[in-house]
Protein backbone atom coordinates (compact mmCIF):
# COMPACT_ATOMS: atom_id res chain seq x y z
CA UNK A 1 50.81 99.13 145.85
CA UNK A 2 54.28 97.19 144.78
CA UNK A 3 56.68 98.99 142.69
CA UNK A 4 56.77 98.13 138.62
CA UNK A 5 60.52 95.87 138.23
CA UNK A 6 62.68 97.84 136.32
CA UNK A 7 64.43 95.98 133.64
CA UNK A 8 68.26 95.04 133.60
CA UNK A 9 70.57 96.08 131.19
CA UNK A 10 71.53 93.30 129.39
CA UNK A 11 75.03 92.16 130.60
CA UNK A 12 77.42 92.12 127.07
CA UNK A 13 80.96 90.42 127.63
CA UNK A 14 83.64 90.92 124.72
CA UNK A 15 84.60 88.19 122.83
CA UNK A 16 87.59 87.55 120.47
CA UNK A 17 87.34 86.92 117.10
CA UNK A 18 90.12 84.48 115.32
CA UNK A 19 90.42 84.33 111.84
CA UNK A 20 92.06 81.29 111.00
CA UNK A 21 92.87 78.40 108.40
CA UNK A 22 91.87 74.68 109.42
CA UNK A 23 91.27 71.06 107.76
CA UNK A 24 87.55 70.29 107.00
CA UNK A 25 85.99 66.90 107.22
CA UNK A 26 87.82 66.36 103.56
CA UNK A 27 91.14 67.14 104.75
CA UNK A 28 91.34 70.59 102.53
CA UNK A 29 92.47 73.60 104.19
CA UNK A 30 89.99 76.20 104.34
CA UNK A 31 89.14 79.59 106.25
CA UNK A 32 87.41 79.34 109.55
CA UNK A 33 86.58 81.48 112.61
CA UNK A 34 86.81 80.87 116.13
CA UNK A 35 85.42 82.46 119.32
CA UNK A 36 86.59 83.28 122.68
CA UNK A 37 84.87 84.71 125.81
CA UNK A 38 87.37 86.98 127.69
CA UNK A 39 85.49 86.33 130.79
CA UNK A 40 85.48 82.14 130.96
CA UNK A 41 88.01 81.35 128.39
CA UNK A 42 85.54 79.49 126.33
CA UNK A 43 85.98 78.63 122.55
CA UNK A 44 83.55 78.02 119.80
CA UNK A 45 84.67 77.06 116.43
CA UNK A 46 85.74 76.22 113.64
CA UNK A 47 82.65 77.85 111.75
CA UNK A 48 83.84 77.81 108.22
CA UNK A 49 84.18 81.05 106.18
CA UNK A 50 85.44 84.67 107.28
CA UNK A 51 82.31 86.56 106.15
CA UNK A 52 79.61 88.80 108.94
CA UNK A 53 77.43 85.83 109.25
CA UNK A 54 80.25 83.58 109.89
CA UNK A 55 81.43 86.23 112.78
CA UNK A 56 77.44 86.06 113.89
CA UNK A 57 77.17 82.51 114.22
CA UNK A 58 80.20 81.93 116.10
CA UNK A 59 79.18 84.72 118.79
CA UNK A 60 76.08 83.18 118.67
CA UNK A 61 76.92 79.62 119.27
CA UNK A 62 79.66 81.72 122.14
CA UNK A 63 76.77 82.75 124.08
CA UNK A 64 74.67 79.71 124.36
CA UNK A 65 77.68 77.23 125.02
CA UNK A 66 79.44 79.76 127.44
CA UNK A 67 79.21 79.30 131.12
CA UNK A 68 79.57 82.90 132.00
CA UNK A 69 76.72 85.27 133.31
CA UNK A 70 76.45 87.17 129.89
CA UNK A 71 73.22 87.36 128.05
CA UNK A 72 75.32 88.53 124.98
CA UNK A 73 78.75 88.58 123.77
CA UNK A 74 79.91 91.41 121.64
CA UNK A 75 82.92 90.44 118.89
CA UNK A 76 85.61 93.47 120.10
CA UNK A 77 88.71 92.08 119.42
CA UNK A 78 90.06 90.27 115.92
CA UNK A 79 93.26 88.34 115.85
CA UNK A 80 94.59 86.96 112.40
CA UNK A 81 94.01 88.11 108.78
CA UNK A 82 90.25 88.30 107.65
CA UNK A 83 89.77 86.88 103.93
CA UNK A 84 87.10 88.00 102.26
CA UNK A 85 86.61 87.59 98.66
CA UNK A 86 85.03 90.81 96.78
CA UNK A 87 83.21 90.35 93.43
């Protein structure tokens, strides 16, 4: 009788999140986020805004486009000043 396959733990690679400002399509400077894989050096961005949703989207895009063997990327290091409006 064959042994049941054990699930492997998902491989998670740390990612560096950069908070910057860049020019958009209209030429206006706007807050944006870039994500970089620490293993392969792949960079994804700009994702406009400094919100939690922008960070999640940049990490998700990085996981899809990166060539490293990771199944997931996790934001571990943050570079730059994060600007989030509070009401």
